[in-house]
């Protein structure tokens, strides 16, 4: 642990306090909503591999706001359209 972060026990305690207060969940939801609003979210980069990244059982009930879900669904549809458009162009022999 780098010395500028303080004692490891302080860092651990702070992490647990922030985790229990929901700080990380709020940050993730805020970042997701902001990138979705800007149209900068790329769902092709999302990857979950349960063999290497196991979610804590508390995360099984994660709730997203309707605006975030709507923005994610819209981004997924747009990504699928762009992908199919690119595939159609490649089939005609023209890259996009």
PDB file of N, CA and C in Angstrom:
ATOM      1  N   UNK A   1       0.858  -1.176   0.000  1.00  0.00           N
ATOM      2  CA  UNK A   1       0.000   0.000   0.000  1.00  0.00           C
ATOM      3  C   UNK A   1       0.907   1.244   0.000  1.00  0.00           C
ATOM      4  N   UNK A   2       0.738   2.149  -0.970  1.00  0.00           N
ATOM      5  CA  UNK A   2       1.546   3.374  -0.970  1.00  0.00           C
ATOM      6  C   UNK A   2       1.337   4.165   0.316  1.00  0.00           C
ATOM      7  N   UNK A   3       2.392   4.728   0.824  1.00  0.00           N
ATOM      8  CA  UNK A   3       2.353   5.426   2.113  1.00  0.00           C
ATOM      9  C   UNK A   3       1.390   6.616   2.118  1.00  0.00           C
ATOM     10  N   UNK A   4       1.226   7.278   0.947  1.00  0.00           N
ATOM     11  CA  UNK A   4       0.347   8.458   0.902  1.00  0.00           C
ATOM     12  C   UNK A   4      -1.125   8.129   1.166  1.00  0.00           C
ATOM     13  N   UNK A   5      -1.494   6.843   1.110  1.00  0.00           N
ATOM     14  CA  UNK A   5      -2.860   6.452   1.414  1.00  0.00           C
ATOM     15  C   UNK A   5      -3.084   6.223   2.905  1.00  0.00           C
ATOM     16  N   UNK A   6      -2.031   6.186   3.671  1.00  0.00           N
ATOM     17  CA  UNK A   6      -2.157   5.959   5.108  1.00  0.00           C
ATOM     18  C   UNK A   6      -2.024   4.487   5.457  1.00  0.00           C
ATOM     19  N   UNK A   7      -2.344   4.191   6.676  1.00  0.00           N
ATOM     20  CA  UNK A   7      -2.252   2.809   7.159  1.00  0.00           C
ATOM     21  C   UNK A   7      -3.257   1.925   6.426  1.00  0.00           C
ATOM     22  N   UNK A   8      -2.876   0.657   6.199  1.00  0.00           N
ATOM     23  CA  UNK A   8      -3.757  -0.250   5.469  1.00  0.00           C
ATOM     24  C   UNK A   8      -5.092  -0.414   6.169  1.00  0.00           C
ATOM     25  N   UNK A   9      -5.087  -0.372   7.498  1.00  0.00           N
ATOM     26  CA  UNK A   9      -6.347  -0.539   8.241  1.00  0.00           C
ATOM     27  C   UNK A   9      -7.280   0.657   8.016  1.00  0.00           C
ATOM     28  N   UNK A  10      -6.701   1.846   7.877  1.00  0.00           N
ATOM     29  CA  UNK A  10      -7.510   3.039   7.594  1.00  0.00           C
ATOM     30  C   UNK A  10      -8.134   2.929   6.208  1.00  0.00           C
ATOM     31  N   UNK A  11      -7.335   2.494   5.240  1.00  0.00           N
ATOM     32  CA  UNK A  11      -7.834   2.334   3.872  1.00  0.00           C
ATOM     33  C   UNK A  11      -8.949   1.288   3.848  1.00  0.00           C
ATOM     34  N   UNK A  12      -8.729   0.166   4.505  1.00  0.00           N
ATOM     35  CA  UNK A  12      -9.741  -0.884   4.553  1.00  0.00           C
ATOM     36  C   UNK A  12     -11.022  -0.378   5.205  1.00  0.00           C
ATOM     37  N   UNK A  13     -10.892   0.326   6.312  1.00  0.00           N
ATOM     38  CA  UNK A  13     -12.077   0.848   7.011  1.00  0.00           C
ATOM     39  C   UNK A  13     -12.832   1.856   6.147  1.00  0.00           C
ATOM     40  N   UNK A  14     -12.085   2.719   5.465  1.00  0.00           N
ATOM     41  CA  UNK A  14     -12.715   3.709   4.591  1.00  0.00           C
ATOM     42  C   UNK A  14     -13.445   3.012   3.442  1.00  0.00           C
ATOM     43  N   UNK A  15     -12.788   2.006   2.845  1.00  0.00           N
ATOM     44  CA  UNK A  15     -13.423   1.260   1.764  1.00  0.00           C
ATOM     45  C   UNK A  15     -14.718   0.623   2.238  1.00  0.00           C
ATOM     46  N   UNK A  16     -14.689  -0.009   3.384  1.00  0.00           N
ATOM     47  CA  UNK A  16     -15.902  -0.655   3.912  1.00  0.00           C
ATOM     48  C   UNK A  16     -17.010   0.353   4.194  1.00  0.00           C
ATOM     49  N   UNK A  17     -16.634   1.519   4.734  1.00  0.00           N
ATOM     50  CA  UNK A  17     -17.636   2.558   5.000  1.00  0.00           C
ATOM     51  C   UNK A  17     -18.271   3.036   3.699  1.00  0.00           C
ATOM     52  N   UNK A  18     -17.448   3.278   2.679  1.00  0.00           N
ATOM     53  CA  UNK A  18     -17.965   3.733   1.384  1.00  0.00           C
ATOM     54  C   UNK A  18     -18.812   2.645   0.734  1.00  0.00           C
ATOM     55  N   UNK A  19     -18.363   1.385   0.837  1.00  0.00           N
ATOM     56  CA  UNK A  19     -19.135   0.274   0.277  1.00  0.00           C
ATOM     57  C   UNK A  19     -20.492   0.192   0.954  1.00  0.00           C
ATOM     58  N   UNK A  20     -20.499   0.218   2.281  1.00  0.00           N
ATOM     59  CA  UNK A  20     -21.749   0.097   3.037  1.00  0.00           C
ATOM     60  C   UNK A  20     -22.687   1.280   2.803  1.00  0.00           C
ATOM     61  N   UNK A  21     -22.120   2.462   2.528  1.00  0.00           N
ATOM     62  CA  UNK A  21     -22.922   3.661   2.283  1.00  0.00           C
ATOM     63  C   UNK A  21     -23.437   3.717   0.846  1.00  0.00           C
ATOM     64  N   UNK A  22     -22.962   2.798  -0.016  1.00  0.00           N
ATOM     65  CA  UNK A  22     -23.421   2.763  -1.405  1.00  0.00           C
ATOM     66  C   UNK A  22     -22.706   3.744  -2.317  1.00  0.00           C
ATOM     67  N   UNK A  23     -21.559   4.259  -1.891  1.00  0.00           N
ATOM     68  CA  UNK A  23     -20.823   5.249  -2.679  1.00  0.00           C
ATOM     69  C   UNK A  23     -20.435   4.693  -4.051  1.00  0.00           C
ATOM     70  N   UNK A  24     -19.920   3.484  -4.112  1.00  0.00           N
ATOM     71  CA  UNK A  24     -19.468   2.919  -5.376  1.00  0.00           C
ATOM     72  C   UNK A  24     -20.632   2.679  -6.337  1.00  0.00           C
ATOM     73  N   UNK A  25     -21.759   2.240  -5.804  1.00  0.00           N
ATOM     74  CA  UNK A  25     -22.930   2.012  -6.650  1.00  0.00           C
ATOM     75  C   UNK A  25     -23.423   3.328  -7.250  1.00  0.00           C
ATOM     76  N   UNK A  26     -23.452   4.375  -6.440  1.00  0.00           N
ATOM     77  CA  UNK A  26     -23.891   5.682  -6.936  1.00  0.00           C
ATOM     78  C   UNK A  26     -22.933   6.204  -8.002  1.00  0.00           C
ATOM     79  N   UNK A  27     -21.627   6.042  -7.783  1.00  0.00           N
ATOM     80  CA  UNK A  27     -20.644   6.471  -8.779  1.00  0.00           C
ATOM     81  C   UNK A  27     -20.821   5.725 -10.095  1.00  0.00           C
ATOM     82  N   UNK A  28     -20.979   4.412 -10.032  1.00  0.00           N
ATOM     83  CA  UNK A  28     -21.146   3.610 -11.242  1.00  0.00           C
ATOM     84  C   UNK A  28     -22.422   3.990 -11.988  1.00  0.00           C
ATOM     85  N   UNK A  29     -23.513   4.152 -11.268  1.00  0.00           N
ATOM     86  CA  UNK A  29     -24.772   4.549 -11.915  1.00  0.00           C
ATOM     87  C   UNK A  29     -24.654   5.926 -12.550  1.00  0.00           C
ATOM     88  N   UNK A  30     -23.994   6.856 -11.852  1.00  0.00           N
ATOM     89  CA  UNK A  30     -23.809   8.200 -12.392  1.00  0.00           C
ATOM     90  C   UNK A  30     -22.968   8.197 -13.655  1.00  0.00           C
ATOM     91  N   UNK A  31     -21.864   7.449 -13.643  1.00  0.00           N
ATOM     92  CA  UNK A  31     -21.013   7.362 -14.826  1.00  0.00           C
ATOM     93  C   UNK A  31     -21.750   6.708 -15.993  1.00  0.00           C
ATOM     94  N   UNK A  32     -22.493   5.656 -15.705  1.00  0.00           N
ATOM     95  CA  UNK A  32     -23.248   4.963 -16.750  1.00  0.00           C
ATOM     96  C   UNK A  32     -24.301   5.890 -17.350  1.00  0.00           C
ATOM     97  N   UNK A  33     -25.032   6.601 -16.510  1.00  0.00           N
ATOM     98  CA  UNK A  33     -26.068   7.516 -16.991  1.00  0.00           C
ATOM     99  C   UNK A  33     -25.457   8.643 -17.822  1.00  0.00           C
ATOM    100  N   UNK A  34     -24.352   9.201 -17.367  1.00  0.00           N
ATOM    101  CA  UNK A  34     -23.715  10.302 -18.088  1.00  0.00           C
ATOM    102  C   UNK A  34     -23.192   9.865 -19.447  1.00  0.00           C
ATOM    103  N   UNK A  35     -22.525   8.725 -19.514  1.00  0.00           N
ATOM    104  CA  UNK A  35     -22.009   8.262 -20.802  1.00  0.00           C
ATOM    105  C   UNK A  35     -23.140   7.871 -21.743  1.00  0.00           C
ATOM    106  N   UNK A  36     -24.224   7.310 -21.203  1.00  0.00           N
ATOM    107  CA  UNK A  36     -25.381   6.967 -22.028  1.00  0.00           C
ATOM    108  C   UNK A  36     -26.035   8.235 -22.569  1.00  0.00           C
ATOM    109  N   UNK A  37     -26.148   9.271 -21.725  1.00  0.00           N
ATOM    110  CA  UNK A  37     -26.744  10.533 -22.144  1.00  0.00           C
ATOM    111  C   UNK A  37     -25.934  11.166 -23.273  1.00  0.00           C
ATOM    112  N   UNK A  38     -24.620  11.041 -23.210  1.00  0.00           N
ATOM    113  CA  UNK A  38     -23.739  11.613 -24.234  1.00  0.00           C
ATOM    114  C   UNK A  38     -23.627  10.725 -25.468  1.00  0.00           C
ATOM    115  N   UNK A  39     -24.180   9.512 -25.396  1.00  0.00           N
ATOM    116  CA  UNK A  39     -24.060   8.580 -26.506  1.00  0.00           C
ATOM    117  C   UNK A  39     -22.668   7.986 -26.615  1.00  0.00           C
ATOM    118  N   UNK A  40     -21.944   7.969 -25.508  1.00  0.00           N
ATOM    119  CA  UNK A  40     -20.567   7.489 -25.509  1.00  0.00           C
ATOM    120  C   UNK A  40     -20.416   6.088 -24.929  1.00  0.00           C
ATOM    121  N   UNK A  41     -21.513   5.447 -24.629  1.00  0.00           N
ATOM    122  CA  UNK A  41     -21.416   4.120 -24.028  1.00  0.00           C
ATOM    123  C   UNK A  41     -21.285   3.091 -25.141  1.00  0.00           C
ATOM    124  N   UNK A  42     -20.400   2.147 -24.955  1.00  0.00           N
ATOM    125  CA  UNK A  42     -20.162   1.104 -25.941  1.00  0.00           C
ATOM    126  C   UNK A  42     -20.328  -0.244 -25.255  1.00  0.00           C
ATOM    127  N   UNK A  43     -21.492  -0.832 -25.435  1.00  0.00           N
ATOM    128  CA  UNK A  43     -21.796  -2.080 -24.743  1.00  0.00           C
ATOM    129  C   UNK A  43     -20.981  -3.255 -25.268  1.00  0.00           C
ATOM    130  N   UNK A  44     -20.302  -3.083 -26.402  1.00  0.00           N
ATOM    131  CA  UNK A  44     -19.457  -4.171 -26.893  1.00  0.00           C
ATOM    132  C   UNK A  44     -18.236  -4.353 -26.012  1.00  0.00           C
ATOM    133  N   UNK A  45     -17.940  -3.366 -25.175  1.00  0.00           N
ATOM    134  CA  UNK A  45     -16.797  -3.451 -24.274  1.00  0.00           C
ATOM    135  C   UNK A  45     -17.139  -4.084 -22.938  1.00  0.00           C
ATOM    136  N   UNK A  46     -18.420  -4.370 -22.714  1.00  0.00           N
ATOM    137  CA  UNK A  46     -18.856  -4.957 -21.455  1.00  0.00           C
ATOM    138  C   UNK A  46     -18.566  -6.452 -21.474  1.00  0.00           C
ATOM    139  N   UNK A  47     -17.911  -6.915 -20.441  1.00  0.00           N
ATOM    140  CA  UNK A  47     -17.586  -8.333 -20.369  1.00  0.00           C
ATOM    141  C   UNK A  47     -17.673  -8.795 -18.926  1.00  0.00           C
ATOM    142  N   UNK A  48     -18.367  -9.885 -18.728  1.00  0.00           N
ATOM    143  CA  UNK A  48     -18.448 -10.478 -17.394  1.00  0.00           C
ATOM    144  C   UNK A  48     -18.006 -11.926 -17.522  1.00  0.00           C
ATOM    145  N   UNK A  49     -17.019 -12.284 -16.772  1.00  0.00           N
ATOM    146  CA  UNK A  49     -16.505 -13.643 -16.787  1.00  0.00           C
ATOM    147  C   UNK A  49     -16.557 -14.154 -15.358  1.00  0.00           C
ATOM    148  N   UNK A  50     -17.520 -14.996 -15.085  1.00  0.00           N
ATOM    149  CA  UNK A  50     -17.737 -15.445 -13.713  1.00  0.00           C
ATOM    150  C   UNK A  50     -16.587 -16.289 -13.182  1.00  0.00           C
ATOM    151  N   UNK A  51     -15.725 -16.763 -14.061  1.00  0.00           N
ATOM    152  CA  UNK A  51     -14.599 -17.550 -13.570  1.00  0.00           C
ATOM    153  C   UNK A  51     -13.518 -16.667 -12.966  1.00  0.00           C
ATOM    154  N   UNK A  52     -13.508 -15.371 -13.330  1.00  0.00           N
ATOM    155  CA  UNK A  52     -12.468 -14.487 -12.821  1.00  0.00           C
ATOM    156  C   UNK A  52     -13.009 -13.293 -12.043  1.00  0.00           C
ATOM    157  N   UNK A  53     -14.274 -12.973 -12.230  1.00  0.00           N
ATOM    158  CA  UNK A  53     -14.850 -11.805 -11.564  1.00  0.00           C
ATOM    159  C   UNK A  53     -16.180 -12.187 -10.937  1.00  0.00           C
ATOM    160  N   UNK A  54     -16.126 -12.610  -9.717  1.00  0.00           N
ATOM    161  CA  UNK A  54     -17.343 -13.037  -9.037  1.00  0.00           C
ATOM    162  C   UNK A  54     -17.976 -11.858  -8.306  1.00  0.00           C
ATOM    163  N   UNK A  55     -19.266 -11.730  -8.476  1.00  0.00           N
ATOM    164  CA  UNK A  55     -19.999 -10.666  -7.797  1.00  0.00           C
ATOM    165  C   UNK A  55     -20.378 -11.143  -6.396  1.00  0.00           C
ATOM    166  N   UNK A  56     -20.314 -10.229  -5.459  1.00  0.00           N
ATOM    167  CA  UNK A  56     -20.757 -10.522  -4.105  1.00  0.00           C
ATOM    168  C   UNK A  56     -22.263 -10.755  -4.141  1.00  0.00           C
ATOM    169  N   UNK A  57     -22.788 -11.588  -3.270  1.00  0.00           N
ATOM    170  CA  UNK A  57     -24.211 -11.896  -3.289  1.00  0.00           C
ATOM    171  C   UNK A  57     -25.081 -10.655  -3.105  1.00  0.00           C
ATOM    172  N   UNK A  58     -24.555  -9.609  -2.478  1.00  0.00           N
ATOM    173  CA  UNK A  58     -25.325  -8.373  -2.329  1.00  0.00           C
ATOM    174  C   UNK A  58     -25.604  -7.718  -3.684  1.00  0.00           C
ATOM    175  N   UNK A  59     -24.750  -7.970  -4.661  1.00  0.00           N
ATOM    176  CA  UNK A  59     -24.912  -7.348  -5.973  1.00  0.00           C
ATOM    177  C   UNK A  59     -26.009  -8.013  -6.800  1.00  0.00           C
ATOM    178  N   UNK A  60     -26.476  -9.160  -6.408  1.00  0.00           N
ATOM    179  CA  UNK A  60     -27.506  -9.861  -7.177  1.00  0.00           C
ATOM    180  C   UNK A  60     -28.784  -9.047  -7.279  1.00  0.00           C
ATOM    181  N   UNK A  61     -29.024  -8.161  -6.345  1.00  0.00           N
ATOM    182  CA  UNK A  61     -30.238  -7.348  -6.358  1.00  0.00           C
ATOM    183  C   UNK A  61     -30.018  -5.922  -6.802  1.00  0.00           C
ATOM    184  N   UNK A  62     -28.966  -5.683  -7.582  1.00  0.00           N
ATOM    185  CA  UNK A  62     -28.647  -4.313  -8.019  1.00  0.00           C
ATOM    186  C   UNK A  62     -29.818  -3.712  -8.796  1.00  0.00           C
ATOM    187  N   UNK A  63     -30.154  -2.478  -8.494  1.00  0.00           N
ATOM    188  CA  UNK A  63     -31.268  -1.795  -9.139  1.00  0.00           C
ATOM    189  C   UNK A  63     -30.751  -0.569  -9.888  1.00  0.00           C
ATOM    190  N   UNK A  64     -31.181  -0.429 -11.147  1.00  0.00           N
ATOM    191  CA  UNK A  64     -30.848   0.740 -11.948  1.00  0.00           C
ATOM    192  C   UNK A  64     -32.112   1.545 -12.167  1.00  0.00           C
ATOM    193  N   UNK A  65     -31.968   2.856 -12.246  1.00  0.00           N
ATOM    194  CA  UNK A  65     -33.104   3.719 -12.507  1.00  0.00           C
ATOM    195  C   UNK A  65     -33.635   3.512 -13.917  1.00  0.00           C
ATOM    196  N   UNK A  66     -34.889   3.884 -14.141  1.00  0.00           N
ATOM    197  CA  UNK A  66     -35.513   3.724 -15.452  1.00  0.00           C
ATOM    198  C   UNK A  66     -34.753   4.493 -16.530  1.00  0.00           C
ATOM    199  N   UNK A  67     -34.234   5.689 -16.196  1.00  0.00           N
ATOM    200  CA  UNK A  67     -33.506   6.478 -17.184  1.00  0.00           C
ATOM    201  C   UNK A  67     -32.224   5.774 -17.615  1.00  0.00           C
ATOM    202  N   UNK A  68     -31.540   5.147 -16.681  1.00  0.00           N
ATOM    203  CA  UNK A  68     -30.304   4.426 -17.008  1.00  0.00           C
ATOM    204  C   UNK A  68     -30.624   3.197 -17.851  1.00  0.00           C
ATOM    205  N   UNK A  69     -31.651   2.438 -17.462  1.00  0.00           N
ATOM    206  CA  UNK A  69     -32.038   1.265 -18.240  1.00  0.00           C
ATOM    207  C   UNK A  69     -32.448   1.644 -19.653  1.00  0.00           C
ATOM    208  N   UNK A  70     -33.230   2.703 -19.774  1.00  0.00           N
ATOM    209  CA  UNK A  70     -33.663   3.162 -21.097  1.00  0.00           C
ATOM    210  C   UNK A  70     -32.488   3.577 -21.963  1.00  0.00           C
ATOM    211  N   UNK A  71     -31.547   4.309 -21.371  1.00  0.00           N
ATOM    212  CA  UNK A  71     -30.371   4.750 -22.122  1.00  0.00           C
ATOM    213  C   UNK A  71     -29.509   3.563 -22.543  1.00  0.00           C
ATOM    214  N   UNK A  72     -29.371   2.573 -21.671  1.00  0.00           N
ATOM    215  CA  UNK A  72     -28.592   1.381 -22.018  1.00  0.00           C
ATOM    216  C   UNK A  72     -29.263   0.584 -23.132  1.00  0.00           C
ATOM    217  N   UNK A  73     -30.578   0.446 -23.057  1.00  0.00           N
ATOM    218  CA  UNK A  73     -31.293  -0.280 -24.100  1.00  0.00           C
ATOM    219  C   UNK A  73     -31.187   0.443 -25.436  1.00  0.00           C
ATOM    220  N   UNK A  74     -31.306   1.768 -25.412  1.00  0.00           N
ATOM    221  CA  UNK A  74     -31.184   2.562 -26.632  1.00  0.00           C
ATOM    222  C   UNK A  74     -29.779   2.409 -27.228  1.00  0.00           C
ATOM    223  N   UNK A  75     -28.767   2.456 -26.393  1.00  0.00           N
ATOM    224  CA  UNK A  75     -27.387   2.310 -26.866  1.00  0.00           C
ATOM    225  C   UNK A  75     -27.170   0.929 -27.474  1.00  0.00           C
ATOM    226  N   UNK A  76     -27.767  -0.094 -26.878  1.00  0.00           N
ATOM    227  CA  UNK A  76     -27.619  -1.456 -27.405  1.00  0.00           C
ATOM    228  C   UNK A  76     -28.269  -1.576 -28.779  1.00  0.00           C
ATOM    229  N   UNK A  77     -29.448  -0.989 -28.949  1.00  0.00           N
ATOM    230  CA  UNK A  77     -30.138  -1.028 -30.245  1.00  0.00           C
ATOM    231  C   UNK A  77     -29.312  -0.285 -31.293  1.00  0.00           C
ATOM    232  N   UNK A  78     -28.781   0.885 -30.932  1.00  0.00           N
ATOM    233  CA  UNK A  78     -27.963   1.656 -31.870  1.00  0.00           C
ATOM    234  C   UNK A  78     -26.692   0.905 -32.245  1.00  0.00           C
ATOM    235  N   UNK A  79     -26.098   0.224 -31.287  1.00  0.00           N
ATOM    236  CA  UNK A  79     -24.887  -0.554 -31.571  1.00  0.00           C
ATOM    237  C   UNK A  79     -25.206  -1.703 -32.519  1.00  0.00           C
ATOM    238  N   UNK A  80     -26.345  -2.361 -32.323  1.00  0.00           N
ATOM    239  CA  UNK A  80     -26.744  -3.456 -33.216  1.00  0.00           C
ATOM    240  C   UNK A  80     -26.999  -2.944 -34.620  1.00  0.00           C
ATOM    241  N   UNK A  81     -27.654  -1.771 -34.735  1.00  0.00           N
ATOM    242  CA  UNK A  81     -27.908  -1.188 -36.054  1.00  0.00           C
ATOM    243  C   UNK A  81     -26.593  -0.864 -36.751  1.00  0.00           C
ATOM    244  N   UNK A  82     -25.667  -0.242 -36.034  1.00  0.00           N
ATOM    245  CA  UNK A  82     -24.374   0.115 -36.617  1.00  0.00           C
ATOM    246  C   UNK A  82     -23.607  -1.119 -37.043  1.00  0.00           C
ATOM    247  N   UNK A  83     -23.670  -2.153 -36.228  1.00  0.00           N
ATOM    248  CA  UNK A  83     -22.971  -3.398 -36.547  1.00  0.00           C
ATOM    249  C   UNK A  83     -23.571  -4.057 -37.782  1.00  0.00           C
ATOM    250  N   UNK A  84     -24.902  -4.105 -37.874  1.00  0.00           N
ATOM    251  CA  UNK A  84     -25.534  -4.724 -39.040  1.00  0.00           C
ATOM    252  C   UNK A  84     -25.321  -3.878 -40.285  1.00  0.00           C
ATOM    253  N   UNK A  85     -25.283  -2.570 -40.148  1.00  0.00           N
ATOM    254  CA  UNK A  85     -25.005  -1.686 -41.279  1.00  0.00           C
ATOM    255  C   UNK A  85     -23.591  -1.934 -41.797  1.00  0.00           C
ATOM    256  N   UNK A  86     -22.637  -2.076 -40.888  1.00  0.00           N
ATOM    257  CA  UNK A  86     -21.261  -2.361 -41.279  1.00  0.00           C
ATOM    258  C   UNK A  86     -21.141  -3.710 -41.964  1.00  0.00           C
ATOM    259  N   UNK A  87     -21.862  -4.700 -41.479  1.00  0.00           N
ATOM    260  CA  UNK A  87     -21.826  -6.032 -42.079  1.00  0.00           C
ATOM    261  C   UNK A  87     -22.426  -5.994 -43.481  1.00  0.00           C
ATOM    262  N   UNK A  88     -23.500  -5.223 -43.667  1.00  0.00           N
ATOM    263  CA  UNK A  88     -24.124  -5.113 -44.987  1.00  0.00           C
ATOM    264  C   UNK A  88     -23.179  -4.425 -45.967  1.00  0.00           C
ATOM    265  N   UNK A  89     -22.479  -3.396 -45.530  1.00  0.00           N
ATOM    266  CA  UNK A  89     -21.514  -2.708 -46.393  1.00  0.00           C
ATOM    267  C   UNK A  89     -20.371  -3.623 -46.782  1.00  0.00           C
ATOM    268  N   UNK A  90     -19.895  -4.420 -45.829  1.00  0.00           N
ATOM    269  CA  UNK A  90     -18.797  -5.347 -46.104  1.00  0.00           C
ATOM    270  C   UNK A  90     -19.253  -6.428 -47.094  1.00  0.00           C
ATOM    271  N   UNK A  91     -20.512  -6.844 -47.018  1.00  0.00           N
ATOM    272  CA  UNK A  91     -21.037  -7.853 -47.934  1.00  0.00           C
ATOM    273  C   UNK A  91     -21.090  -7.322 -49.354  1.00  0.00           C
ATOM    274  N   UNK A  92     -21.294  -5.996 -49.492  1.00  0.00           N
ATOM    275  CA  UNK A  92     -21.307  -5.382 -50.815  1.00  0.00           C
ATOM    276  C   UNK A  92     -19.905  -5.027 -51.280  1.00  0.00           C
ATOM    277  N   UNK A  93     -18.901  -5.319 -50.436  1.00  0.00           N
ATOM    278  CA  UNK A  93     -17.515  -5.044 -50.819  1.00  0.00           C
ATOM    279  C   UNK A  93     -17.040  -3.648 -50.493  1.00  0.00           C
ATOM    280  N   UNK A  94     -17.829  -2.915 -49.690  1.00  0.00           N
ATOM    281  CA  UNK A  94     -17.441  -1.556 -49.309  1.00  0.00           C
ATOM    282  C   UNK A  94     -17.341  -1.467 -47.798  1.00  0.00           C
ATOM    283  N   UNK A  95     -16.165  -1.156 -47.281  1.00  0.00           N
ATOM    284  CA  UNK A  95     -16.060  -0.948 -45.825  1.00  0.00           C
ATOM    285  C   UNK A  95     -16.754   0.350 -45.448  1.00  0.00           C
ATOM    286  N   UNK A  96     -17.235   0.424 -44.205  1.00  0.00           N
ATOM    287  CA  UNK A  96     -17.904   1.638 -43.727  1.00  0.00           C
ATOM    288  C   UNK A  96     -16.896   2.652 -43.302  1.00  0.00           C
TER     289      UNK A  96
END
